[in-house]
Amino acid sequence: MRNPTAPTGPQLPFFVYGTLRPGEVNHGLFLRGRTLREQPARLTDAVLYDGPGYPYAVEEPGGTVTGDLVTARPETYERLLAELDRLEEYTPGDPRSLYERVVREVTTGEGPVRAWVYVAAPAVAARLRARGERLAGGDWPARR
């Protein structure tokens, strides 16, 4: 069954910055055994805000978010994309979505790469900017 939120065209890697990073709770549940490669990466022009057990990336000029670039195995891509959309409570066009899945350029040690990134949806981002707790340094595991 085809995922209605799946992109047509090339399968982009995912930039993960919170509970999907290696060593975090959702990495093992969603990504273990389903990736070809995972490598450190950075997203510029975004900052992190603390959420209820997970972070939100909010687009903001000058900020940097630390994370990992995850390349899914081709045979798992469609299903993984659908599962990640559900995890992130993302439905295209739904104003109740917590996140939006957007294409952004991230930087790895090998250079820039276009990737899917889940960023805070507009209403959530506005609420976080007004009264959220911004995580200094932009690195979710470093908050501890």
N, C-alpha and C. Protein backbone atom coordinates (compact mmCIF):
# COMPACT_ATOMS: atom_id res chain seq x y z
N MET A 1 0.85 -1.19 0.00
CA MET A 1 0.00 0.00 0.00
C MET A 1 0.89 1.24 0.00
N ARG A 2 0.62 2.16 -0.88
CA ARG A 2 1.41 3.38 -1.01
C ARG A 2 1.05 4.38 0.07
N ASN A 3 2.06 5.03 0.62
CA ASN A 3 1.86 6.05 1.64
C ASN A 3 1.46 7.36 0.95
N PRO A 4 0.29 7.94 1.26
CA PRO A 4 -0.14 9.16 0.59
C PRO A 4 0.75 10.37 0.90
N THR A 5 1.53 10.32 1.98
CA THR A 5 2.42 11.44 2.29
C THR A 5 3.81 11.25 1.71
N ALA A 6 4.07 10.08 1.08
CA ALA A 6 5.40 9.81 0.54
C ALA A 6 5.66 10.71 -0.66
N PRO A 7 6.91 11.14 -0.80
CA PRO A 7 7.25 11.98 -1.94
C PRO A 7 7.34 11.14 -3.21
N THR A 8 7.11 11.78 -4.33
CA THR A 8 7.42 11.11 -5.58
C THR A 8 8.82 11.58 -5.94
N GLY A 9 9.62 10.71 -6.48
CA GLY A 9 10.98 11.07 -6.82
C GLY A 9 11.98 10.36 -5.94
N PRO A 10 13.17 10.94 -5.82
CA PRO A 10 14.24 10.25 -5.09
C PRO A 10 13.93 10.08 -3.61
N GLN A 11 14.51 9.05 -3.05
CA GLN A 11 14.36 8.79 -1.62
C GLN A 11 15.44 9.57 -0.88
N LEU A 12 15.03 10.60 -0.17
CA LEU A 12 15.98 11.43 0.57
C LEU A 12 16.29 10.82 1.93
N PRO A 13 17.50 11.06 2.44
CA PRO A 13 17.80 10.64 3.81
C PRO A 13 17.02 11.53 4.79
N PHE A 14 17.07 11.15 6.05
CA PHE A 14 16.40 11.89 7.12
C PHE A 14 17.45 12.52 8.03
N PHE A 15 17.21 13.75 8.45
CA PHE A 15 18.04 14.37 9.49
C PHE A 15 17.26 14.21 10.78
N VAL A 16 17.85 13.49 11.76
CA VAL A 16 17.21 13.27 13.05
C VAL A 16 18.00 13.98 14.14
N TYR A 17 17.30 14.56 15.10
CA TYR A 17 17.98 15.39 16.10
C TYR A 17 17.49 15.14 17.53
N GLY A 18 16.55 14.24 17.70
CA GLY A 18 16.00 14.00 19.03
C GLY A 18 15.97 12.53 19.38
N THR A 19 14.76 12.00 19.61
CA THR A 19 14.62 10.63 20.10
C THR A 19 14.93 9.57 19.05
N LEU A 20 15.17 9.97 17.80
CA LEU A 20 15.55 9.02 16.75
C LEU A 20 17.06 8.90 16.59
N ARG A 21 17.82 9.70 17.32
CA ARG A 21 19.29 9.62 17.22
C ARG A 21 19.80 8.33 17.85
N PRO A 22 20.95 7.84 17.38
CA PRO A 22 21.55 6.64 18.00
C PRO A 22 21.68 6.82 19.52
N GLY A 23 21.27 5.78 20.24
CA GLY A 23 21.32 5.82 21.70
C GLY A 23 20.06 6.37 22.34
N GLU A 24 19.17 6.92 21.56
CA GLU A 24 17.91 7.46 22.08
C GLU A 24 16.80 6.42 21.90
N VAL A 25 15.71 6.58 22.63
CA VAL A 25 14.65 5.58 22.74
C VAL A 25 14.05 5.17 21.39
N ASN A 26 13.78 6.08 20.49
CA ASN A 26 13.10 5.72 19.25
C ASN A 26 14.03 5.21 18.15
N HIS A 27 15.33 5.35 18.35
CA HIS A 27 16.26 4.84 17.35
C HIS A 27 16.09 3.33 17.20
N GLY A 28 16.11 2.62 18.30
CA GLY A 28 15.97 1.18 18.25
C GLY A 28 14.59 0.74 17.79
N LEU A 29 13.56 1.49 18.13
CA LEU A 29 12.20 1.12 17.76
C LEU A 29 11.91 1.32 16.27
N PHE A 30 12.51 2.34 15.67
CA PHE A 30 12.17 2.69 14.28
C PHE A 30 13.30 2.48 13.27
N LEU A 31 14.55 2.66 13.68
CA LEU A 31 15.64 2.69 12.71
C LEU A 31 16.56 1.47 12.71
N ARG A 32 16.72 0.81 13.83
CA ARG A 32 17.67 -0.31 13.91
C ARG A 32 17.37 -1.35 12.84
N GLY A 33 18.38 -1.67 12.03
CA GLY A 33 18.26 -2.66 10.98
C GLY A 33 17.61 -2.16 9.71
N ARG A 34 17.20 -0.89 9.68
CA ARG A 34 16.50 -0.35 8.52
C ARG A 34 17.30 0.74 7.80
N THR A 35 18.55 0.92 8.23
CA THR A 35 19.35 1.98 7.62
C THR A 35 20.58 1.42 6.92
N LEU A 36 21.02 2.15 5.91
CA LEU A 36 22.27 1.83 5.23
C LEU A 36 23.43 2.56 5.89
N ARG A 37 23.13 3.77 6.38
CA ARG A 37 24.19 4.63 6.90
C ARG A 37 23.61 5.65 7.88
N GLU A 38 24.39 5.95 8.90
CA GLU A 38 24.06 7.01 9.85
C GLU A 38 25.34 7.78 10.09
N GLN A 39 25.28 9.11 9.95
CA GLN A 39 26.49 9.91 10.14
C GLN A 39 26.14 11.24 10.80
N PRO A 40 27.06 11.79 11.59
CA PRO A 40 26.82 13.08 12.22
C PRO A 40 26.55 14.16 11.18
N ALA A 41 25.65 15.08 11.54
CA ALA A 41 25.29 16.17 10.63
C ALA A 41 24.81 17.36 11.43
N ARG A 42 24.72 18.51 10.74
CA ARG A 42 24.23 19.74 11.37
C ARG A 42 23.23 20.42 10.44
N LEU A 43 22.20 20.97 11.05
CA LEU A 43 21.19 21.75 10.36
C LEU A 43 21.39 23.20 10.77
N THR A 44 21.61 24.06 9.79
CA THR A 44 21.78 25.48 10.11
C THR A 44 20.44 26.21 9.98
N ASP A 45 20.41 27.38 10.57
CA ASP A 45 19.22 28.24 10.57
C ASP A 45 18.03 27.58 11.26
N ALA A 46 18.33 26.88 12.36
CA ALA A 46 17.30 26.29 13.21
C ALA A 46 17.84 26.20 14.63
N VAL A 47 16.93 26.19 15.60
CA VAL A 47 17.27 26.04 17.02
C VAL A 47 16.37 24.97 17.60
N LEU A 48 16.74 24.46 18.78
CA LEU A 48 15.93 23.44 19.45
C LEU A 48 15.18 24.02 20.64
N TYR A 49 13.96 23.53 20.79
CA TYR A 49 13.15 23.83 21.97
C TYR A 49 12.80 22.51 22.63
N ASP A 50 12.72 22.54 23.96
CA ASP A 50 12.35 21.36 24.72
C ASP A 50 10.86 21.12 24.58
N GLY A 51 10.50 19.86 24.38
CA GLY A 51 9.11 19.46 24.34
C GLY A 51 8.85 18.48 25.46
N PRO A 52 7.67 17.88 25.48
CA PRO A 52 7.36 16.91 26.53
C PRO A 52 8.02 15.55 26.26
N GLY A 53 9.33 15.48 26.47
CA GLY A 53 10.07 14.25 26.27
C GLY A 53 10.76 14.15 24.92
N TYR A 54 10.66 15.18 24.13
CA TYR A 54 11.30 15.21 22.81
C TYR A 54 11.49 16.68 22.41
N PRO A 55 12.42 16.95 21.48
CA PRO A 55 12.66 18.33 21.08
C PRO A 55 11.88 18.72 19.83
N TYR A 56 11.82 20.01 19.60
CA TYR A 56 11.30 20.58 18.37
C TYR A 56 12.40 21.43 17.74
N ALA A 57 12.65 21.24 16.45
CA ALA A 57 13.51 22.16 15.71
C ALA A 57 12.61 23.26 15.19
N VAL A 58 13.04 24.50 15.44
CA VAL A 58 12.30 25.68 14.98
C VAL A 58 13.24 26.46 14.07
N GLU A 59 12.78 26.76 12.88
CA GLU A 59 13.62 27.47 11.93
C GLU A 59 13.87 28.89 12.43
N GLU A 60 15.17 29.24 12.49
CA GLU A 60 15.58 30.56 12.97
C GLU A 60 16.96 30.87 12.41
N PRO A 61 17.09 31.97 11.68
CA PRO A 61 18.40 32.33 11.12
C PRO A 61 19.49 32.39 12.19
N GLY A 62 20.65 31.84 11.84
CA GLY A 62 21.80 31.89 12.73
C GLY A 62 21.94 30.73 13.69
N GLY A 63 20.89 29.93 13.87
CA GLY A 63 20.96 28.80 14.78
C GLY A 63 21.56 27.57 14.13
N THR A 64 21.93 26.60 14.97
CA THR A 64 22.45 25.32 14.49
C THR A 64 21.92 24.20 15.37
N VAL A 65 21.49 23.12 14.73
CA VAL A 65 21.01 21.93 15.42
C VAL A 65 21.94 20.77 15.06
N THR A 66 22.37 20.05 16.08
CA THR A 66 23.23 18.89 15.89
C THR A 66 22.36 17.64 15.81
N GLY A 67 22.70 16.75 14.89
CA GLY A 67 21.94 15.52 14.75
C GLY A 67 22.69 14.50 13.93
N ASP A 68 21.93 13.65 13.27
CA ASP A 68 22.49 12.59 12.44
C ASP A 68 21.71 12.49 11.14
N LEU A 69 22.43 12.24 10.07
CA LEU A 69 21.83 12.00 8.77
C LEU A 69 21.67 10.49 8.64
N VAL A 70 20.44 10.05 8.41
CA VAL A 70 20.10 8.63 8.36
C VAL A 70 19.64 8.30 6.94
N THR A 71 20.31 7.35 6.33
CA THR A 71 19.93 6.87 5.00
C THR A 71 19.26 5.52 5.17
N ALA A 72 17.99 5.46 4.80
CA ALA A 72 17.20 4.23 4.95
C ALA A 72 17.53 3.24 3.85
N ARG A 73 17.38 1.97 4.16
CA ARG A 73 17.50 0.93 3.14
C ARG A 73 16.35 1.13 2.14
N PRO A 74 16.62 1.03 0.84
CA PRO A 74 15.57 1.27 -0.15
C PRO A 74 14.31 0.44 0.06
N GLU A 75 14.48 -0.81 0.47
CA GLU A 75 13.31 -1.68 0.64
C GLU A 75 12.47 -1.34 1.86
N THR A 76 13.00 -0.52 2.77
CA THR A 76 12.25 -0.13 3.97
C THR A 76 11.76 1.31 3.90
N TYR A 77 12.15 2.03 2.87
CA TYR A 77 11.95 3.49 2.83
C TYR A 77 10.48 3.90 2.95
N GLU A 78 9.62 3.40 2.09
CA GLU A 78 8.21 3.84 2.09
C GLU A 78 7.54 3.58 3.44
N ARG A 79 7.74 2.39 3.97
CA ARG A 79 7.11 2.06 5.26
C ARG A 79 7.70 2.91 6.38
N LEU A 80 9.03 3.10 6.37
CA LEU A 80 9.67 3.92 7.39
C LEU A 80 9.17 5.36 7.32
N LEU A 81 9.05 5.90 6.13
CA LEU A 81 8.55 7.27 5.98
C LEU A 81 7.16 7.40 6.59
N ALA A 82 6.29 6.45 6.30
CA ALA A 82 4.94 6.47 6.86
C ALA A 82 4.97 6.37 8.38
N GLU A 83 5.82 5.51 8.91
CA GLU A 83 5.92 5.36 10.37
C GLU A 83 6.47 6.62 11.03
N LEU A 84 7.45 7.25 10.41
CA LEU A 84 8.01 8.48 10.98
C LEU A 84 6.99 9.62 10.92
N ASP A 85 6.22 9.69 9.84
CA ASP A 85 5.15 10.70 9.78
C ASP A 85 4.17 10.51 10.92
N ARG A 86 3.80 9.27 11.21
CA ARG A 86 2.88 9.02 12.33
C ARG A 86 3.53 9.37 13.66
N LEU A 87 4.79 8.95 13.85
CA LEU A 87 5.50 9.26 15.09
C LEU A 87 5.53 10.76 15.33
N GLU A 88 5.81 11.52 14.29
CA GLU A 88 5.95 12.97 14.41
C GLU A 88 4.61 13.70 14.31
N GLU A 89 3.53 12.94 14.23
CA GLU A 89 2.18 13.50 14.13
C GLU A 89 2.10 14.52 13.00
N TYR A 90 2.59 14.09 11.84
CA TYR A 90 2.60 14.93 10.65
C TYR A 90 1.63 14.39 9.61
N THR A 91 0.67 15.23 9.21
CA THR A 91 -0.23 14.95 8.12
C THR A 91 -0.24 16.18 7.22
N PRO A 92 0.15 16.03 5.95
CA PRO A 92 0.20 17.20 5.08
C PRO A 92 -1.12 17.97 5.07
N GLY A 93 -1.02 19.29 5.23
CA GLY A 93 -2.19 20.15 5.18
C GLY A 93 -3.03 20.19 6.44
N ASP A 94 -2.70 19.39 7.45
CA ASP A 94 -3.49 19.36 8.68
C ASP A 94 -2.94 20.38 9.66
N PRO A 95 -3.70 21.41 10.00
CA PRO A 95 -3.20 22.44 10.92
C PRO A 95 -2.96 21.92 12.34
N ARG A 96 -3.43 20.71 12.64
CA ARG A 96 -3.20 20.13 13.97
C ARG A 96 -1.88 19.37 14.06
N SER A 97 -1.16 19.24 12.94
CA SER A 97 0.13 18.54 12.94
C SER A 97 1.09 19.23 13.89
N LEU A 98 1.86 18.43 14.62
CA LEU A 98 2.88 18.99 15.50
C LEU A 98 4.12 19.40 14.73
N TYR A 99 4.41 18.66 13.67
CA TYR A 99 5.60 18.91 12.86
C TYR A 99 5.21 19.04 11.39
N GLU A 100 6.13 19.60 10.62
CA GLU A 100 6.07 19.56 9.17
C GLU A 100 7.32 18.84 8.68
N ARG A 101 7.16 18.01 7.66
CA ARG A 101 8.31 17.36 7.04
C ARG A 101 8.72 18.22 5.85
N VAL A 102 9.95 18.76 5.91
CA VAL A 102 10.44 19.67 4.89
C VAL A 102 11.80 19.21 4.38
N VAL A 103 12.14 19.61 3.17
CA VAL A 103 13.47 19.32 2.63
C VAL A 103 14.38 20.49 2.98
N ARG A 104 15.50 20.17 3.62
CA ARG A 104 16.49 21.18 3.98
C ARG A 104 17.88 20.63 3.68
N GLU A 105 18.83 21.51 3.54
CA GLU A 105 20.21 21.11 3.36
C GLU A 105 20.85 20.96 4.73
N VAL A 106 21.49 19.83 4.96
CA VAL A 106 22.24 19.60 6.19
C VAL A 106 23.69 19.38 5.80
N THR A 107 24.58 19.59 6.75
CA THR A 107 26.00 19.47 6.47
C THR A 107 26.58 18.28 7.21
N THR A 108 27.31 17.45 6.46
CA THR A 108 28.03 16.32 7.03
C THR A 108 29.52 16.58 6.85
N GLY A 109 30.35 15.69 7.35
CA GLY A 109 31.79 15.81 7.14
C GLY A 109 32.19 15.70 5.68
N GLU A 110 31.27 15.19 4.86
CA GLU A 110 31.51 15.04 3.43
C GLU A 110 30.90 16.16 2.60
N GLY A 111 30.24 17.11 3.26
CA GLY A 111 29.63 18.23 2.55
C GLY A 111 28.13 18.29 2.74
N PRO A 112 27.46 19.17 1.99
CA PRO A 112 26.02 19.36 2.14
C PRO A 112 25.22 18.25 1.48
N VAL A 113 24.06 17.95 2.10
CA VAL A 113 23.15 16.90 1.61
C VAL A 113 21.72 17.40 1.82
N ARG A 114 20.86 17.17 0.82
CA ARG A 114 19.43 17.47 0.98
C ARG A 114 18.78 16.32 1.74
N ALA A 115 17.95 16.66 2.71
CA ALA A 115 17.35 15.63 3.56
C ALA A 115 15.97 16.07 4.03
N TRP A 116 15.17 15.09 4.42
CA TRP A 116 13.92 15.37 5.12
C TRP A 116 14.24 15.77 6.55
N VAL A 117 13.56 16.79 7.03
CA VAL A 117 13.69 17.23 8.43
C VAL A 117 12.29 17.51 8.95
N TYR A 118 12.01 17.04 10.14
CA TYR A 118 10.75 17.37 10.80
C TYR A 118 10.99 18.60 11.67
N VAL A 119 10.34 19.70 11.28
CA VAL A 119 10.45 20.96 12.04
C VAL A 119 9.10 21.25 12.67
N ALA A 120 9.10 22.05 13.71
CA ALA A 120 7.85 22.41 14.38
C ALA A 120 6.90 23.06 13.38
N ALA A 121 5.64 22.62 13.40
CA ALA A 121 4.61 23.22 12.55
C ALA A 121 4.45 24.69 12.95
N PRO A 122 3.94 25.53 12.05
CA PRO A 122 3.87 26.98 12.33
C PRO A 122 3.22 27.36 13.66
N ALA A 123 2.08 26.76 14.00
CA ALA A 123 1.41 27.12 15.26
C ALA A 123 2.26 26.71 16.46
N VAL A 124 2.87 25.53 16.38
CA VAL A 124 3.73 25.05 17.46
C VAL A 124 4.96 25.94 17.57
N ALA A 125 5.57 26.28 16.44
CA ALA A 125 6.76 27.14 16.45
C ALA A 125 6.45 28.50 17.08
N ALA A 126 5.31 29.08 16.76
CA ALA A 126 4.93 30.38 17.34
C ALA A 126 4.77 30.28 18.85
N ARG A 127 4.14 29.21 19.30
CA ARG A 127 3.95 29.00 20.74
C ARG A 127 5.30 28.82 21.44
N LEU A 128 6.21 28.05 20.84
CA LEU A 128 7.52 27.83 21.44
C LEU A 128 8.33 29.13 21.49
N ARG A 129 8.31 29.90 20.43
CA ARG A 129 9.04 31.18 20.42
C ARG A 129 8.52 32.12 21.51
N ALA A 130 7.20 32.07 21.77
CA ALA A 130 6.59 32.96 22.76
C ALA A 130 6.88 32.54 24.20
N ARG A 131 6.84 31.22 24.46
CA ARG A 131 6.98 30.81 25.86
C ARG A 131 7.65 29.46 26.07
N GLY A 132 8.38 28.99 25.06
CA GLY A 132 9.05 27.69 25.18
C GLY A 132 10.44 27.81 25.79
N GLU A 133 11.02 26.67 26.12
CA GLU A 133 12.38 26.61 26.66
C GLU A 133 13.34 26.22 25.56
N ARG A 134 14.15 27.18 25.16
CA ARG A 134 15.13 26.94 24.10
C ARG A 134 16.32 26.19 24.69
N LEU A 135 16.80 25.17 23.95
CA LEU A 135 17.92 24.37 24.41
C LEU A 135 19.22 24.95 23.87
N ALA A 136 20.02 25.49 24.75
CA ALA A 136 21.29 26.09 24.36
C ALA A 136 22.18 25.05 23.70
N GLY A 137 22.85 25.43 22.64
CA GLY A 137 23.77 24.54 21.97
C GLY A 137 23.17 23.70 20.86
N GLY A 138 21.85 23.54 20.83
CA GLY A 138 21.19 22.83 19.75
C GLY A 138 21.49 21.34 19.68
N ASP A 139 21.84 20.72 20.81
CA ASP A 139 22.18 19.29 20.82
C ASP A 139 21.33 18.60 21.89
N TRP A 140 20.33 17.82 21.45
CA TRP A 140 19.37 17.18 22.36
C TRP A 140 20.04 16.33 23.43
N PRO A 141 20.95 15.38 23.11
CA PRO A 141 21.53 14.56 24.16
C PRO A 141 22.36 15.38 25.17
N ALA A 142 22.89 16.51 24.77
CA ALA A 142 23.72 17.33 25.66
C ALA A 142 22.90 18.05 26.73
N ARG A 143 21.58 18.00 26.64
CA ARG A 143 20.73 18.71 27.61
C ARG A 143 20.81 18.10 29.00
N ARG A 144 21.22 16.84 29.10
CA ARG A 144 21.20 16.09 30.36
C ARG A 144 22.23 16.58 31.33
